[in-house]
Amino acid sequence: MNRRTVLGGASVMAAAAALGIGGFVATGPAAPWTLRHARRVLLELDVHTAVLAGSWSTAQVLVHLAQSLEFSMTGFPEAKGALFQATVGRTAATAFGARGQMFHGLDTPIPGAPALPTDLSPSDARSRLIAAIDAFDGFDGELRPHFTYGPLDRAAYARAQALHIENHLRATVG
């Protein structure tokens, strides 16, 4: 291991600690996130000082994540076609699951979703996201097809949602 690698890793960890998520940001492969883990991270995250990558405010990111969970139970407003879901969508879901990490456009709204609020406090947005995680965990109905991945079983859906949350929370600026 060279000095640049060590210093780079230390810089990432220092920036993460300053953002309030230090113990949860890793510079290499880590155990896959679960919704339970994501919930713990959110409770420990200082949402008033966290700076997440992309053009959205922290509150908007958290609402975006809540929308995704909510739509998994109520239905997404718009969806890619069945052929897309069965090919590109399924391939992406499988690849993200195999890698244990998701990478996607961090300011891409869910198609057809209501506009992200500009006046919601980060604390209220976090509460909405935690409530959405809890609702998903307790949901006993049929989950609606994901707008890109199509139908997913409960375990795959929970994993996809956890990876989505992780992708946004790991993408910090600092």
C-alpha atoms as a PDB file:
ATOM      1  CA  MET A   1       0.000   0.000   0.000  1.00  0.00           C
ATOM      2  CA  ASN A   2       1.448   3.343  -0.941  1.00  0.00           C
ATOM      3  CA  ARG A   3       1.305   6.615   0.937  1.00  0.00           C
ATOM      4  CA  ARG A   4      -1.224   8.175  -1.433  1.00  0.00           C
ATOM      5  CA  THR A   5      -3.661   5.298  -0.843  1.00  0.00           C
ATOM      6  CA  VAL A   6      -3.322   5.607   2.923  1.00  0.00           C
ATOM      7  CA  LEU A   7      -3.683   9.394   2.878  1.00  0.00           C
ATOM      8  CA  GLY A   8      -6.609   9.227   0.463  1.00  0.00           C
ATOM      9  CA  GLY A   9      -8.434   6.767   2.677  1.00  0.00           C
ATOM     10  CA  ALA A  10      -7.706   8.861   5.730  1.00  0.00           C
ATOM     11  CA  SER A  11      -9.029  11.970   3.961  1.00  0.00           C
ATOM     12  CA  VAL A  12     -12.267  10.222   3.071  1.00  0.00           C
ATOM     13  CA  MET A  13     -12.720   9.013   6.637  1.00  0.00           C
ATOM     14  CA  ALA A  14     -11.917  12.469   8.060  1.00  0.00           C
ATOM     15  CA  ALA A  15     -14.430  14.122   5.735  1.00  0.00           C
ATOM     16  CA  ALA A  16     -17.035  11.521   6.615  1.00  0.00           C
ATOM     17  CA  ALA A  17     -16.466  12.027  10.325  1.00  0.00           C
ATOM     18  CA  ALA A  18     -16.900  15.775   9.874  1.00  0.00           C
ATOM     19  CA  LEU A  19     -20.211  15.117   8.138  1.00  0.00           C
ATOM     20  CA  GLY A  20     -21.474  12.983  10.976  1.00  0.00           C
ATOM     21  CA  ILE A  21     -21.368   9.596   9.237  1.00  0.00           C
ATOM     22  CA  GLY A  22     -17.785   8.610   9.971  1.00  0.00           C
ATOM     23  CA  GLY A  23     -18.329   5.066  11.150  1.00  0.00           C
ATOM     24  CA  PHE A  24     -20.551   4.245   8.215  1.00  0.00           C
ATOM     25  CA  VAL A  25     -18.400   5.367   5.291  1.00  0.00           C
ATOM     26  CA  ALA A  26     -15.882   2.840   4.056  1.00  0.00           C
ATOM     27  CA  THR A  27     -13.152   3.241   1.484  1.00  0.00           C
ATOM     28  CA  GLY A  28     -13.423  -0.337   0.293  1.00  0.00           C
ATOM     29  CA  PRO A  29     -15.919  -3.155   0.160  1.00  0.00           C
ATOM     30  CA  ALA A  30     -18.100  -3.390   3.235  1.00  0.00           C
ATOM     31  CA  ALA A  31     -20.988  -5.478   4.388  1.00  0.00           C
ATOM     32  CA  PRO A  32     -24.099  -4.647   2.358  1.00  0.00           C
ATOM     33  CA  TRP A  33     -26.447  -2.146   3.924  1.00  0.00           C
ATOM     34  CA  THR A  34     -29.853  -3.196   5.147  1.00  0.00           C
ATOM     35  CA  LEU A  35     -32.839  -0.971   5.837  1.00  0.00           C
ATOM     36  CA  ARG A  36     -32.212  -1.469   9.559  1.00  0.00           C
ATOM     37  CA  HIS A  37     -28.636  -0.262   9.122  1.00  0.00           C
ATOM     38  CA  ALA A  38     -29.820   2.682   7.001  1.00  0.00           C
ATOM     39  CA  ARG A  39     -32.289   3.629   9.738  1.00  0.00           C
ATOM     40  CA  ARG A  40     -29.471   3.650  12.341  1.00  0.00           C
ATOM     41  CA  VAL A  41     -27.277   5.780  10.073  1.00  0.00           C
ATOM     42  CA  LEU A  42     -30.119   8.251   9.582  1.00  0.00           C
ATOM     43  CA  LEU A  43     -30.719   8.550  13.311  1.00  0.00           C
ATOM     44  CA  GLU A  44     -27.026   9.320  13.862  1.00  0.00           C
ATOM     45  CA  LEU A  45     -26.628  11.604  10.834  1.00  0.00           C
ATOM     46  CA  ASP A  46     -26.391  15.310  11.629  1.00  0.00           C
ATOM     47  CA  VAL A  47     -28.785  16.360   8.873  1.00  0.00           C
ATOM     48  CA  HIS A  48     -28.152  20.042   9.541  1.00  0.00           C
ATOM     49  CA  THR A  49     -24.445  19.860   8.680  1.00  0.00           C
ATOM     50  CA  ALA A  50     -24.344  16.939   6.224  1.00  0.00           C
ATOM     51  CA  VAL A  51     -23.573  17.978   2.671  1.00  0.00           C
ATOM     52  CA  LEU A  52     -24.711  15.391   0.158  1.00  0.00           C
ATOM     53  CA  ALA A  53     -23.480  15.353  -3.435  1.00  0.00           C
ATOM     54  CA  GLY A  54     -25.719  16.662  -6.172  1.00  0.00           C
ATOM     55  CA  SER A  55     -27.863  19.733  -6.600  1.00  0.00           C
ATOM     56  CA  TRP A  56     -30.552  18.832  -4.055  1.00  0.00           C
ATOM     57  CA  SER A  57     -30.615  19.984  -0.456  1.00  0.00           C
ATOM     58  CA  THR A  58     -30.218  17.355   2.246  1.00  0.00           C
ATOM     59  CA  ALA A  59     -33.970  17.557   2.913  1.00  0.00           C
ATOM     60  CA  GLN A  60     -34.754  16.983  -0.766  1.00  0.00           C
ATOM     61  CA  VAL A  61     -32.481  13.927  -0.900  1.00  0.00           C
ATOM     62  CA  LEU A  62     -34.168  12.445   2.160  1.00  0.00           C
ATOM     63  CA  VAL A  63     -37.644  13.078   0.692  1.00  0.00           C
ATOM     64  CA  HIS A  64     -36.537  11.495  -2.607  1.00  0.00           C
ATOM     65  CA  LEU A  65     -35.492   8.384  -0.675  1.00  0.00           C
ATOM     66  CA  ALA A  66     -38.783   8.372   1.245  1.00  0.00           C
ATOM     67  CA  GLN A  67     -40.732   8.660  -2.019  1.00  0.00           C
ATOM     68  CA  SER A  68     -38.996   5.578  -3.377  1.00  0.00           C
ATOM     69  CA  LEU A  69     -40.009   3.517  -0.351  1.00  0.00           C
ATOM     70  CA  GLU A  70     -43.544   4.914  -0.345  1.00  0.00           C
ATOM     71  CA  PHE A  71     -44.040   4.216  -4.047  1.00  0.00           C
ATOM     72  CA  SER A  72     -42.881   0.629  -3.555  1.00  0.00           C
ATOM     73  CA  MET A  73     -46.029   0.162  -1.466  1.00  0.00           C
ATOM     74  CA  THR A  74     -48.474   2.401  -3.367  1.00  0.00           C
ATOM     75  CA  GLY A  75     -47.182   2.223  -6.939  1.00  0.00           C
ATOM     76  CA  PHE A  76     -44.780   4.405  -8.873  1.00  0.00           C
ATOM     77  CA  PRO A  77     -46.454   7.219 -10.852  1.00  0.00           C
ATOM     78  CA  GLU A  78     -44.607   6.299 -14.080  1.00  0.00           C
ATOM     79  CA  ALA A  79     -42.656   3.216 -15.113  1.00  0.00           C
ATOM     80  CA  LYS A  80     -40.313   2.111 -17.834  1.00  0.00           C
ATOM     81  CA  GLY A  81     -41.826  -0.348 -20.282  1.00  0.00           C
ATOM     82  CA  ALA A  82     -42.040  -4.048 -19.488  1.00  0.00           C
ATOM     83  CA  LEU A  83     -39.305  -4.893 -22.027  1.00  0.00           C
ATOM     84  CA  PHE A  84     -36.944  -2.343 -20.468  1.00  0.00           C
ATOM     85  CA  GLN A  85     -37.703  -3.643 -16.968  1.00  0.00           C
ATOM     86  CA  ALA A  86     -37.166  -7.253 -18.017  1.00  0.00           C
ATOM     87  CA  THR A  87     -33.825  -6.534 -19.690  1.00  0.00           C
ATOM     88  CA  VAL A  88     -31.945  -3.382 -18.705  1.00  0.00           C
ATOM     89  CA  GLY A  89     -33.761  -2.940 -15.386  1.00  0.00           C
ATOM     90  CA  ARG A  90     -33.352  -6.539 -14.278  1.00  0.00           C
ATOM     91  CA  THR A  91     -29.674  -6.498 -15.316  1.00  0.00           C
ATOM     92  CA  ALA A  92     -29.048  -3.317 -13.321  1.00  0.00           C
ATOM     93  CA  ALA A  93     -30.828  -4.678 -10.237  1.00  0.00           C
ATOM     94  CA  THR A  94     -28.849  -7.910 -10.443  1.00  0.00           C
ATOM     95  CA  ALA A  95     -25.541  -6.079 -10.911  1.00  0.00           C
ATOM     96  CA  PHE A  96     -26.173  -3.704  -8.000  1.00  0.00           C
ATOM     97  CA  GLY A  97     -27.182  -6.620  -5.796  1.00  0.00           C
ATOM     98  CA  ALA A  98     -24.087  -8.614  -6.740  1.00  0.00           C
ATOM     99  CA  ARG A  99     -21.780  -5.639  -6.114  1.00  0.00           C
ATOM    100  CA  GLY A 100     -23.515  -4.656  -2.925  1.00  0.00           C
ATOM    101  CA  GLN A 101     -23.496  -1.037  -4.094  1.00  0.00           C
ATOM    102  CA  MET A 102     -25.659   1.120  -6.313  1.00  0.00           C
ATOM    103  CA  PHE A 103     -24.495   3.984  -8.473  1.00  0.00           C
ATOM    104  CA  HIS A 104     -27.030   6.234 -10.168  1.00  0.00           C
ATOM    105  CA  GLY A 105     -27.674   9.884 -11.004  1.00  0.00           C
ATOM    106  CA  LEU A 106     -27.961  11.587  -7.651  1.00  0.00           C
ATOM    107  CA  ASP A 107     -30.264  14.367  -8.849  1.00  0.00           C
ATOM    108  CA  THR A 108     -32.554  12.298 -11.010  1.00  0.00           C
ATOM    109  CA  PRO A 109     -36.098  12.477  -9.677  1.00  0.00           C
ATOM    110  CA  ILE A 110     -38.429   9.516  -9.708  1.00  0.00           C
ATOM    111  CA  PRO A 111     -40.451   9.866 -12.925  1.00  0.00           C
ATOM    112  CA  GLY A 112     -43.832  11.432 -12.225  1.00  0.00           C
ATOM    113  CA  ALA A 113     -43.107  11.988  -8.524  1.00  0.00           C
ATOM    114  CA  PRO A 114     -44.262  15.221  -6.913  1.00  0.00           C
ATOM    115  CA  ALA A 115     -41.632  17.952  -6.930  1.00  0.00           C
ATOM    116  CA  LEU A 116     -39.221  17.750  -4.037  1.00  0.00           C
ATOM    117  CA  PRO A 117     -40.056  20.384  -1.412  1.00  0.00           C
ATOM    118  CA  THR A 118     -37.813  23.396  -1.021  1.00  0.00           C
ATOM    119  CA  ASP A 119     -39.123  24.470   2.383  1.00  0.00           C
ATOM    120  CA  LEU A 120     -38.961  21.266   4.439  1.00  0.00           C
ATOM    121  CA  SER A 121     -36.471  21.106   7.292  1.00  0.00           C
ATOM    122  CA  PRO A 122     -33.820  18.379   7.180  1.00  0.00           C
ATOM    123  CA  SER A 123     -35.166  16.999  10.484  1.00  0.00           C
ATOM    124  CA  ASP A 124     -38.696  16.705   9.095  1.00  0.00           C
ATOM    125  CA  ALA A 125     -37.366  15.078   5.919  1.00  0.00           C
ATOM    126  CA  ARG A 126     -35.400  12.562   7.988  1.00  0.00           C
ATOM    127  CA  SER A 127     -38.549  11.791  10.003  1.00  0.00           C
ATOM    128  CA  ARG A 128     -40.453  11.147   6.778  1.00  0.00           C
ATOM    129  CA  LEU A 129     -37.733   8.790   5.542  1.00  0.00           C
ATOM    130  CA  ILE A 130     -37.573   6.891   8.829  1.00  0.00           C
ATOM    131  CA  ALA A 131     -41.378   6.606   8.803  1.00  0.00           C
ATOM    132  CA  ALA A 132     -41.186   5.239   5.238  1.00  0.00           C
ATOM    133  CA  ILE A 133     -38.582   2.645   6.283  1.00  0.00           C
ATOM    134  CA  ASP A 134     -40.764   1.605   9.212  1.00  0.00           C
ATOM    135  CA  ALA A 135     -43.861   1.439   6.982  1.00  0.00           C
ATOM    136  CA  PHE A 136     -41.993  -0.709   4.442  1.00  0.00           C
ATOM    137  CA  ASP A 137     -40.768  -3.036   7.196  1.00  0.00           C
ATOM    138  CA  GLY A 138     -44.306  -3.453   8.509  1.00  0.00           C
ATOM    139  CA  PHE A 139     -46.038  -3.618   5.134  1.00  0.00           C
ATOM    140  CA  ASP A 140     -47.843  -6.899   4.551  1.00  0.00           C
ATOM    141  CA  GLY A 141     -49.448  -6.078   1.211  1.00  0.00           C
ATOM    142  CA  GLU A 142     -48.155  -6.756  -2.265  1.00  0.00           C
ATOM    143  CA  LEU A 143     -45.206  -4.563  -3.195  1.00  0.00           C
ATOM    144  CA  ARG A 144     -45.673  -2.653  -6.436  1.00  0.00           C
ATOM    145  CA  PRO A 145     -43.234  -3.113  -9.334  1.00  0.00           C
ATOM    146  CA  HIS A 146     -40.212  -0.820  -9.269  1.00  0.00           C
ATOM    147  CA  PHE A 147     -40.333   1.753 -12.054  1.00  0.00           C
ATOM    148  CA  THR A 148     -37.033   0.525 -13.526  1.00  0.00           C
ATOM    149  CA  TYR A 149     -36.434  -2.965 -12.108  1.00  0.00           C
ATOM    150  CA  GLY A 150     -40.001  -4.240 -12.401  1.00  0.00           C
ATOM    151  CA  PRO A 151     -41.399  -6.776  -9.933  1.00  0.00           C
ATOM    152  CA  LEU A 152     -39.095  -7.646  -7.026  1.00  0.00           C
ATOM    153  CA  ASP A 153     -39.633  -9.978  -4.121  1.00  0.00           C
ATOM    154  CA  ARG A 154     -39.577  -8.469  -0.626  1.00  0.00           C
ATOM    155  CA  ALA A 155     -35.910  -9.298   0.048  1.00  0.00           C
ATOM    156  CA  ALA A 156     -34.725  -7.902  -3.296  1.00  0.00           C
ATOM    157  CA  TYR A 157     -36.836  -4.778  -2.825  1.00  0.00           C
ATOM    158  CA  ALA A 158     -35.503  -4.185   0.683  1.00  0.00           C
ATOM    159  CA  ARG A 159     -31.960  -4.627  -0.598  1.00  0.00           C
ATOM    160  CA  ALA A 160     -32.528  -2.251  -3.532  1.00  0.00           C
ATOM    161  CA  GLN A 161     -33.979   0.384  -1.192  1.00  0.00           C
ATOM    162  CA  ALA A 162     -31.101   0.022   1.267  1.00  0.00           C
ATOM    163  CA  LEU A 163     -28.550   0.340  -1.546  1.00  0.00           C
ATOM    164  CA  HIS A 164     -30.382   3.417  -2.837  1.00  0.00           C
ATOM    165  CA  ILE A 165     -30.175   5.076   0.576  1.00  0.00           C
ATOM    166  CA  GLU A 166     -26.531   4.079   0.894  1.00  0.00           C
ATOM    167  CA  ASN A 167     -25.697   5.505  -2.540  1.00  0.00           C
ATOM    168  CA  HIS A 168     -27.067   8.914  -1.562  1.00  0.00           C
ATOM    169  CA  LEU A 169     -25.582   8.984   1.943  1.00  0.00           C
ATOM    170  CA  ARG A 170     -22.137   7.822   0.834  1.00  0.00           C
ATOM    171  CA  ALA A 171     -22.010  10.512  -1.852  1.00  0.00           C
ATOM    172  CA  THR A 172     -20.919  13.306   0.422  1.00  0.00           C
ATOM    173  CA  VAL A 173     -19.039  16.481  -0.352  1.00  0.00           C
ATOM    174  CA  GLY A 174     -16.436  17.534   2.119  1.00  0.00           C
END
